[in-house]
PDB file of N, CA and C in Angstrom:
ATOM      1  N   MET A   1      11.047   9.759   1.847  1.00  0.00           N
ATOM      2  CA  MET A   1      11.340   9.512   0.441  1.00  0.00           C
ATOM      3  C   MET A   1      10.939  10.756  -0.329  1.00  0.00           C
ATOM      4  N   GLY A   2      11.842  11.228  -1.161  1.00  0.00           N
ATOM      5  CA  GLY A   2      11.555  12.384  -1.987  1.00  0.00           C
ATOM      6  C   GLY A   2      10.633  12.032  -3.139  1.00  0.00           C
ATOM      7  N   LEU A   3      10.016  13.050  -3.707  1.00  0.00           N
ATOM      8  CA  LEU A   3       9.054  12.839  -4.779  1.00  0.00           C
ATOM      9  C   LEU A   3       9.701  12.211  -6.007  1.00  0.00           C
ATOM     10  N   ASP A   4      10.890  12.672  -6.379  1.00  0.00           N
ATOM     11  CA  ASP A   4      11.570  12.093  -7.546  1.00  0.00           C
ATOM     12  C   ASP A   4      11.889  10.617  -7.334  1.00  0.00           C
ATOM     13  N   ALA A   5      12.341  10.270  -6.129  1.00  0.00           N
ATOM     14  CA  ALA A   5      12.638   8.869  -5.822  1.00  0.00           C
ATOM     15  C   ALA A   5      11.363   8.035  -5.870  1.00  0.00           C
ATOM     16  N   PHE A   6      10.254   8.623  -5.421  1.00  0.00           N
ATOM     17  CA  PHE A   6       8.982   7.916  -5.452  1.00  0.00           C
ATOM     18  C   PHE A   6       8.515   7.683  -6.888  1.00  0.00           C
ATOM     19  N   ILE A   7       8.662   8.686  -7.742  1.00  0.00           N
ATOM     20  CA  ILE A   7       8.289   8.532  -9.153  1.00  0.00           C
ATOM     21  C   ILE A   7       9.133   7.425  -9.784  1.00  0.00           C
ATOM     22  N   ASP A   8      10.424   7.394  -9.464  1.00  0.00           N
ATOM     23  CA  ASP A   8      11.286   6.322  -9.976  1.00  0.00           C
ATOM     24  C   ASP A   8      10.823   4.950  -9.476  1.00  0.00           C
ATOM     25  N   LEU A   9      10.393   4.883  -8.224  1.00  0.00           N
ATOM     26  CA  LEU A   9       9.887   3.637  -7.657  1.00  0.00           C
ATOM     27  C   LEU A   9       8.615   3.191  -8.382  1.00  0.00           C
ATOM     28  N   LEU A  10       7.734   4.136  -8.690  1.00  0.00           N
ATOM     29  CA  LEU A  10       6.526   3.810  -9.439  1.00  0.00           C
ATOM     30  C   LEU A  10       6.880   3.268 -10.823  1.00  0.00           C
ATOM     31  N   LYS A  11       7.808   3.933 -11.504  1.00  0.00           N
ATOM     32  CA  LYS A  11       8.230   3.471 -12.837  1.00  0.00           C
ATOM     33  C   LYS A  11       8.756   2.046 -12.784  1.00  0.00           C
ATOM     34  N   LYS A  12       9.496   1.755 -11.737  1.00  0.00           N
ATOM     35  CA  LYS A  12      10.112   0.438 -11.601  1.00  0.00           C
ATOM     36  C   LYS A  12       9.076  -0.652 -11.311  1.00  0.00           C
ATOM     37  N   ASN A  13       8.049  -0.329 -10.491  1.00  0.00           N
ATOM     38  CA  ASN A  13       7.140  -1.356  -9.993  1.00  0.00           C
ATOM     39  C   ASN A  13       5.786  -1.424 -10.677  1.00  0.00           C
ATOM     40  N   LEU A  14       5.439  -0.430 -11.469  1.00  0.00           N
ATOM     41  CA  LEU A  14       4.169  -0.461 -12.192  1.00  0.00           C
ATOM     42  C   LEU A  14       4.416  -0.827 -13.651  1.00  0.00           C
ATOM     43  N   SER A  15       3.410  -1.404 -14.274  1.00  0.00           N
ATOM     44  CA  SER A  15       3.506  -1.631 -15.718  1.00  0.00           C
ATOM     45  C   SER A  15       3.537  -0.265 -16.398  1.00  0.00           C
ATOM     46  N   THR A  16       4.030  -0.222 -17.609  1.00  0.00           N
ATOM     47  CA  THR A  16       4.071   1.034 -18.356  1.00  0.00           C
ATOM     48  C   THR A  16       2.673   1.629 -18.477  1.00  0.00           C
ATOM     49  N   THR A  17       1.688   0.780 -18.746  1.00  0.00           N
ATOM     50  CA  THR A  17       0.301   1.246 -18.876  1.00  0.00           C
ATOM     51  C   THR A  17      -0.198   1.868 -17.581  1.00  0.00           C
ATOM     52  N   ASP A  18       0.010   1.174 -16.451  1.00  0.00           N
ATOM     53  CA  ASP A  18      -0.456   1.697 -15.164  1.00  0.00           C
ATOM     54  C   ASP A  18       0.278   2.972 -14.769  1.00  0.00           C
ATOM     55  N   PHE A  19       1.585   3.013 -15.028  1.00  0.00           N
ATOM     56  CA  PHE A  19       2.351   4.222 -14.710  1.00  0.00           C
ATOM     57  C   PHE A  19       1.823   5.399 -15.529  1.00  0.00           C
ATOM     58  N   ASN A  20       1.604   5.194 -16.821  1.00  0.00           N
ATOM     59  CA  ASN A  20       1.102   6.273 -17.672  1.00  0.00           C
ATOM     60  C   ASN A  20      -0.296   6.717 -17.250  1.00  0.00           C
ATOM     61  N   ARG A  21      -1.134   5.786 -16.852  1.00  0.00           N
ATOM     62  CA  ARG A  21      -2.473   6.143 -16.355  1.00  0.00           C
ATOM     63  C   ARG A  21      -2.387   6.978 -15.088  1.00  0.00           C
ATOM     64  N   MET A  22      -1.502   6.585 -14.182  1.00  0.00           N
ATOM     65  CA  MET A  22      -1.366   7.347 -12.941  1.00  0.00           C
ATOM     66  C   MET A  22      -0.845   8.745 -13.225  1.00  0.00           C
ATOM     67  N   MET A  23       0.117   8.861 -14.108  1.00  0.00           N
ATOM     68  CA  MET A  23       0.660  10.177 -14.442  1.00  0.00           C
ATOM     69  C   MET A  23      -0.402  11.048 -15.123  1.00  0.00           C
ATOM     70  N   ALA A  24      -1.211  10.456 -15.986  1.00  0.00           N
ATOM     71  CA  ALA A  24      -2.288  11.215 -16.640  1.00  0.00           C
ATOM     72  C   ALA A  24      -3.326  11.663 -15.606  1.00  0.00           C
ATOM     73  N   PHE A  25      -3.660  10.777 -14.683  1.00  0.00           N
ATOM     74  CA  PHE A  25      -4.625  11.114 -13.630  1.00  0.00           C
ATOM     75  C   PHE A  25      -4.111  12.268 -12.777  1.00  0.00           C
ATOM     76  N   THR A  26      -2.864  12.178 -12.336  1.00  0.00           N
ATOM     77  CA  THR A  26      -2.327  13.233 -11.470  1.00  0.00           C
ATOM     78  C   THR A  26      -2.091  14.529 -12.237  1.00  0.00           C
ATOM     79  N   ALA A  27      -1.813  14.440 -13.530  1.00  0.00           N
ATOM     80  CA  ALA A  27      -1.594  15.650 -14.335  1.00  0.00           C
ATOM     81  C   ALA A  27      -2.865  16.489 -14.436  1.00  0.00           C
ATOM     82  N   SER A  28      -4.025  15.850 -14.299  1.00  0.00           N
ATOM     83  CA  SER A  28      -5.293  16.576 -14.398  1.00  0.00           C
ATOM     84  C   SER A  28      -5.642  17.319 -13.103  1.00  0.00           C
ATOM     85  N   MET A  29      -4.864  17.108 -12.048  1.00  0.00           N
ATOM     86  CA  MET A  29      -5.143  17.745 -10.754  1.00  0.00           C
ATOM     87  C   MET A  29      -4.514  19.133 -10.681  1.00  0.00           C
ATOM     88  N   GLU A  30      -5.068  19.939  -9.775  1.00  0.00           N
ATOM     89  CA  GLU A  30      -4.428  21.219  -9.482  1.00  0.00           C
ATOM     90  C   GLU A  30      -3.055  20.920  -8.882  1.00  0.00           C
ATOM     91  N   PRO A  31      -2.047  21.739  -9.176  1.00  0.00           N
ATOM     92  CA  PRO A  31      -0.673  21.444  -8.712  1.00  0.00           C
ATOM     93  C   PRO A  31      -0.547  21.203  -7.208  1.00  0.00           C
ATOM     94  N   GLU A  32      -1.255  21.989  -6.401  1.00  0.00           N
ATOM     95  CA  GLU A  32      -1.147  21.812  -4.939  1.00  0.00           C
ATOM     96  C   GLU A  32      -1.720  20.464  -4.516  1.00  0.00           C
ATOM     97  N   ARG A  33      -2.844  20.092  -5.118  1.00  0.00           N
ATOM     98  CA  ARG A  33      -3.472  18.814  -4.771  1.00  0.00           C
ATOM     99  C   ARG A  33      -2.610  17.650  -5.244  1.00  0.00           C
ATOM    100  N   ARG A  34      -2.049  17.760  -6.452  1.00  0.00           N
ATOM    101  CA  ARG A  34      -1.178  16.713  -6.984  1.00  0.00           C
ATOM    102  C   ARG A  34       0.036  16.524  -6.077  1.00  0.00           C
ATOM    103  N   SER A  35       0.645  17.626  -5.682  1.00  0.00           N
ATOM    104  CA  SER A  35       1.823  17.555  -4.819  1.00  0.00           C
ATOM    105  C   SER A  35       1.487  16.917  -3.472  1.00  0.00           C
ATOM    106  N   ALA A  36       0.356  17.307  -2.889  1.00  0.00           N
ATOM    107  CA  ALA A  36      -0.051  16.747  -1.594  1.00  0.00           C
ATOM    108  C   ALA A  36      -0.331  15.255  -1.704  1.00  0.00           C
ATOM    109  N   MET A  37      -1.018  14.846  -2.780  1.00  0.00           N
ATOM    110  CA  MET A  37      -1.334  13.435  -2.944  1.00  0.00           C
ATOM    111  C   MET A  37      -0.070  12.605  -3.149  1.00  0.00           C
ATOM    112  N   MET A  38       0.822  13.075  -3.999  1.00  0.00           N
ATOM    113  CA  MET A  38       2.046  12.322  -4.263  1.00  0.00           C
ATOM    114  C   MET A  38       2.920  12.252  -3.014  1.00  0.00           C
ATOM    115  N   GLN A  39       2.962  13.328  -2.244  1.00  0.00           N
ATOM    116  CA  GLN A  39       3.737  13.312  -1.000  1.00  0.00           C
ATOM    117  C   GLN A  39       3.140  12.321  -0.008  1.00  0.00           C
ATOM    118  N   PHE A  40       1.805  12.298   0.096  1.00  0.00           N
ATOM    119  CA  PHE A  40       1.128  11.346   0.971  1.00  0.00           C
ATOM    120  C   PHE A  40       1.467   9.913   0.568  1.00  0.00           C
ATOM    121  N   LEU A  41       1.373   9.616  -0.725  1.00  0.00           N
ATOM    122  CA  LEU A  41       1.670   8.268  -1.200  1.00  0.00           C
ATOM    123  C   LEU A  41       3.127   7.899  -0.948  1.00  0.00           C
ATOM    124  N   ALA A  42       4.028   8.828  -1.189  1.00  0.00           N
ATOM    125  CA  ALA A  42       5.456   8.559  -0.964  1.00  0.00           C
ATOM    126  C   ALA A  42       5.726   8.255   0.501  1.00  0.00           C
ATOM    127  N   GLU A  43       5.121   9.023   1.410  1.00  0.00           N
ATOM    128  CA  GLU A  43       5.318   8.778   2.845  1.00  0.00           C
ATOM    129  C   GLU A  43       4.703   7.449   3.251  1.00  0.00           C
ATOM    130  N   ARG A  44       3.548   7.129   2.722  1.00  0.00           N
ATOM    131  CA  ARG A  44       2.898   5.855   3.045  1.00  0.00           C
ATOM    132  C   ARG A  44       3.757   4.692   2.593  1.00  0.00           C
ATOM    133  N   GLU A  45       4.314   4.766   1.401  1.00  0.00           N
ATOM    134  CA  GLU A  45       5.151   3.683   0.891  1.00  0.00           C
ATOM    135  C   GLU A  45       6.428   3.541   1.704  1.00  0.00           C
ATOM    136  N   THR A  46       6.942   4.635   2.230  1.00  0.00           N
ATOM    137  CA  THR A  46       8.137   4.581   3.070  1.00  0.00           C
ATOM    138  C   THR A  46       7.852   3.835   4.364  1.00  0.00           C
ATOM    139  N   LEU A  47       6.621   3.943   4.870  1.00  0.00           N
ATOM    140  CA  LEU A  47       6.263   3.298   6.126  1.00  0.00           C
ATOM    141  C   LEU A  47       5.828   1.851   5.950  1.00  0.00           C
ATOM    142  N   ALA A  48       5.563   1.445   4.729  1.00  0.00           N
ATOM    143  CA  ALA A  48       5.099   0.073   4.475  1.00  0.00           C
ATOM    144  C   ALA A  48       6.239  -0.916   4.696  1.00  0.00           C
ATOM    145  N   PRO A  49       5.921  -2.118   5.188  1.00  0.00           N
ATOM    146  CA  PRO A  49       6.967  -3.136   5.341  1.00  0.00           C
ATOM    147  C   PRO A  49       7.553  -3.499   3.977  1.00  0.00           C
ATOM    148  N   ALA A  50       8.818  -3.804   3.960  1.00  0.00           N
ATOM    149  CA  ALA A  50       9.471  -4.206   2.713  1.00  0.00           C
ATOM    150  C   ALA A  50       8.966  -5.575   2.283  1.00  0.00           C
ATOM    151  N   VAL A  51       8.931  -5.786   0.981  1.00  0.00           N
ATOM    152  CA  VAL A  51       8.526  -7.092   0.454  1.00  0.00           C
ATOM    153  C   VAL A  51       9.455  -8.151   1.029  1.00  0.00           C
ATOM    154  N   GLY A  52       8.866  -9.225   1.562  1.00  0.00           N
ATOM    155  CA  GLY A  52       9.657 -10.320   2.130  1.00  0.00           C
ATOM    156  C   GLY A  52       9.951 -10.174   3.612  1.00  0.00           C
ATOM    157  N   SER A  53       9.667  -8.995   4.184  1.00  0.00           N
ATOM    158  CA  SER A  53       9.929  -8.821   5.617  1.00  0.00           C
ATOM    159  C   SER A  53       8.751  -9.364   6.430  1.00  0.00           C
ATOM    160  N   THR A  54       8.972  -9.564   7.712  1.00  0.00           N
ATOM    161  CA  THR A  54       7.920 -10.036   8.595  1.00  0.00           C
ATOM    162  C   THR A  54       6.878  -8.933   8.768  1.00  0.00           C
ATOM    163  N   ALA A  55       5.621  -9.283   8.601  1.00  0.00           N
ATOM    164  CA  ALA A  55       4.540  -8.297   8.744  1.00  0.00           C
ATOM    165  C   ALA A  55       4.389  -7.883  10.199  1.00  0.00           C
ATOM    166  N   PRO A  56       3.998  -6.641  10.445  1.00  0.00           N
ATOM    167  CA  PRO A  56       3.720  -6.232  11.823  1.00  0.00           C
ATOM    168  C   PRO A  56       2.546  -7.036  12.370  1.00  0.00           C
ATOM    169  N   ASP A  57       2.612  -7.378  13.634  1.00  0.00           N
ATOM    170  CA  ASP A  57       1.558  -8.179  14.244  1.00  0.00           C
ATOM    171  C   ASP A  57       0.341  -7.302  14.547  1.00  0.00           C
ATOM    172  N   PHE A  58      -0.839  -7.871  14.428  1.00  0.00           N
ATOM    173  CA  PHE A  58      -2.074  -7.172  14.775  1.00  0.00           C
ATOM    174  C   PHE A  58      -3.157  -8.200  15.076  1.00  0.00           C
ATOM    175  N   THR A  59      -4.234  -7.715  15.697  1.00  0.00           N
ATOM    176  CA  THR A  59      -5.376  -8.545  16.051  1.00  0.00           C
ATOM    177  C   THR A  59      -6.624  -7.947  15.414  1.00  0.00           C
ATOM    178  N   LEU A  60      -7.470  -8.813  14.857  1.00  0.00           N
ATOM    179  CA  LEU A  60      -8.732  -8.396  14.251  1.00  0.00           C
ATOM    180  C   LEU A  60      -9.848  -9.332  14.691  1.00  0.00           C
ATOM    181  N   PRO A  61     -11.090  -8.836  14.682  1.00  0.00           N
ATOM    182  CA  PRO A  61     -12.207  -9.727  15.017  1.00  0.00           C
ATOM    183  C   PRO A  61     -12.527 -10.647  13.841  1.00  0.00           C
ATOM    184  N   ARG A  62     -12.911 -11.869  14.143  1.00  0.00           N
ATOM    185  CA  ARG A  62     -13.366 -12.790  13.093  1.00  0.00           C
ATOM    186  C   ARG A  62     -14.738 -12.338  12.624  1.00  0.00           C
ATOM    187  N   LEU A  63     -15.028 -12.530  11.356  1.00  0.00           N
ATOM    188  CA  LEU A  63     -16.315 -12.122  10.810  1.00  0.00           C
ATOM    189  C   LEU A  63     -17.449 -13.022  11.285  1.00  0.00           C
ATOM    190  N   ASP A  64     -17.148 -14.278  11.561  1.00  0.00           N
ATOM    191  CA  ASP A  64     -18.192 -15.241  11.902  1.00  0.00           C
ATOM    192  C   ASP A  64     -18.452 -15.384  13.402  1.00  0.00           C
ATOM    193  N   SER A  65     -17.706 -14.642  14.222  1.00  0.00           N
ATOM    194  CA  SER A  65     -17.897 -14.719  15.674  1.00  0.00           C
ATOM    195  C   SER A  65     -17.272 -13.495  16.322  1.00  0.00           C
ATOM    196  N   GLY A  66     -17.385 -13.412  17.614  1.00  0.00           N
ATOM    197  CA  GLY A  66     -16.775 -12.300  18.335  1.00  0.00           C
ATOM    198  C   GLY A  66     -15.330 -12.568  18.714  1.00  0.00           C
ATOM    199  N   ASP A  67     -14.802 -13.742  18.331  1.00  0.00           N
ATOM    200  CA  ASP A  67     -13.425 -14.094  18.662  1.00  0.00           C
ATOM    201  C   ASP A  67     -12.443 -13.175  17.948  1.00  0.00           C
ATOM    202  N   GLN A  68     -11.268 -13.096  18.516  1.00  0.00           N
ATOM    203  CA  GLN A  68     -10.181 -12.321  17.920  1.00  0.00           C
ATOM    204  C   GLN A  68      -9.173 -13.275  17.289  1.00  0.00           C
ATOM    205  N   VAL A  69      -8.551 -12.856  16.222  1.00  0.00           N
ATOM    206  CA  VAL A  69      -7.485 -13.637  15.602  1.00  0.00           C
ATOM    207  C   VAL A  69      -6.257 -12.746  15.486  1.00  0.00           C
ATOM    208  N   ARG A  70      -5.108 -13.322  15.787  1.00  0.00           N
ATOM    209  CA  ARG A  70      -3.849 -12.572  15.772  1.00  0.00           C
ATOM    210  C   ARG A  70      -3.000 -13.082  14.616  1.00  0.00           C
ATOM    211  N   LEU A  71      -2.464 -12.164  13.826  1.00  0.00           N
ATOM    212  CA  LEU A  71      -1.673 -12.546  12.656  1.00  0.00           C
ATOM    213  C   LEU A  71      -0.524 -13.469  13.041  1.00  0.00           C
ATOM    214  N   SER A  72       0.169 -13.183  14.119  1.00  0.00           N
ATOM    215  CA  SER A  72       1.336 -13.990  14.501  1.00  0.00           C
ATOM    216  C   SER A  72       0.972 -15.436  14.833  1.00  0.00           C
ATOM    217  N   SER A  73      -0.309 -15.711  15.091  1.00  0.00           N
ATOM    218  CA  SER A  73      -0.698 -17.088  15.393  1.00  0.00           C
ATOM    219  C   SER A  73      -0.573 -17.994  14.161  1.00  0.00           C
ATOM    220  N   PHE A  74      -0.445 -17.405  12.976  1.00  0.00           N
ATOM    221  CA  PHE A  74      -0.279 -18.189  11.746  1.00  0.00           C
ATOM    222  C   PHE A  74       1.186 -18.381  11.354  1.00  0.00           C
ATOM    223  N   ARG A  75       2.096 -17.718  12.057  1.00  0.00           N
ATOM    224  CA  ARG A  75       3.510 -17.783  11.705  1.00  0.00           C
ATOM    225  C   ARG A  75       4.004 -19.218  11.722  1.00  0.00           C
ATOM    226  N   GLY A  76       4.576 -19.650  10.610  1.00  0.00           N
ATOM    227  CA  GLY A  76       5.113 -20.990  10.492  1.00  0.00           C
ATOM    228  C   GLY A  76       4.079 -22.058  10.200  1.00  0.00           C
ATOM    229  N   ARG A  77       2.820 -21.700  10.047  1.00  0.00           N
ATOM    230  CA  ARG A  77       1.766 -22.688   9.836  1.00  0.00           C
ATOM    231  C   ARG A  77       1.274 -22.736   8.399  1.00  0.00           C
ATOM    232  N   LYS A  78       0.780 -21.630   7.890  1.00  0.00           N
ATOM    233  CA  LYS A  78       0.240 -21.628   6.545  1.00  0.00           C
ATOM    234  C   LYS A  78       0.288 -20.205   6.000  1.00  0.00           C
ATOM    235  N   PRO A  79       0.258 -20.066   4.690  1.00  0.00           N
ATOM    236  CA  PRO A  79       0.293 -18.705   4.127  1.00  0.00           C
ATOM    237  C   PRO A  79      -0.954 -17.907   4.527  1.00  0.00           C
ATOM    238  N   VAL A  80      -0.764 -16.623   4.672  1.00  0.00           N
ATOM    239  CA  VAL A  80      -1.850 -15.707   5.005  1.00  0.00           C
ATOM    240  C   VAL A  80      -1.873 -14.620   3.940  1.00  0.00           C
ATOM    241  N   ALA A  81      -3.047 -14.359   3.389  1.00  0.00           N
ATOM    242  CA  ALA A  81      -3.204 -13.268   2.414  1.00  0.00           C
ATOM    243  C   ALA A  81      -4.014 -12.157   3.061  1.00  0.00           C
ATOM    244  N   LEU A  82      -3.498 -10.946   3.001  1.00  0.00           N
ATOM    245  CA  LEU A  82      -4.218  -9.779   3.516  1.00  0.00           C
ATOM    246  C   LEU A  82      -4.673  -8.966   2.326  1.00  0.00           C
ATOM    247  N   ILE A  83      -5.958  -8.729   2.225  1.00  0.00           N
ATOM    248  CA  ILE A  83      -6.497  -8.000   1.084  1.00  0.00           C
ATOM    249  C   ILE A  83      -7.213  -6.763   1.607  1.00  0.00           C
ATOM    250  N   PHE A  84      -6.778  -5.616   1.142  1.00  0.00           N
ATOM    251  CA  PHE A  84      -7.366  -4.358   1.562  1.00  0.00           C
ATOM    252  C   PHE A  84      -7.979  -3.689   0.351  1.00  0.00           C
ATOM    253  N   GLY A  85      -9.072  -3.027   0.546  1.00  0.00           N
ATOM    254  CA  GLY A  85      -9.689  -2.320  -0.557  1.00  0.00           C
ATOM    255  C   GLY A  85     -10.946  -1.615  -0.108  1.00  0.00           C
ATOM    256  N   SER A  86     -11.462  -0.801  -0.983  1.00  0.00           N
ATOM    257  CA  SER A  86     -12.704  -0.107  -0.733  1.00  0.00           C
ATOM    258  C   SER A  86     -13.805  -0.794  -1.516  1.00  0.00           C
ATOM    259  N   TYR A  87     -14.836  -1.166  -0.848  1.00  0.00           N
ATOM    260  CA  TYR A  87     -15.925  -1.894  -1.488  1.00  0.00           C
ATOM    261  C   TYR A  87     -17.205  -1.066  -1.515  1.00  0.00           C
ATOM    262  N   THR A  88     -17.046   0.250  -1.604  1.00  0.00           N
ATOM    263  CA  THR A  88     -18.217   1.137  -1.626  1.00  0.00           C
ATOM    264  C   THR A  88     -18.524   1.595  -3.028  1.00  0.00           C
TER     265      THR A  88
END
């Protein structure tokens, strides 16, 4: 995905306030760093599953035991929410 197409995607999917904040944040960066960050984000978004598509299957350890849980084991049973973030 090209940078211009990515900027258009951001405009379409972010609120005006969030889009303006992101543009202000990136405008304060050195041009090389801004370009690298935006390219990284554009490539990451290109690799992300499309909204509504089947999520890629994976296995993770349960927090309360050493057991493993597989995402596909929930298919057709109940909704699953995946939440990612930095908590540092």
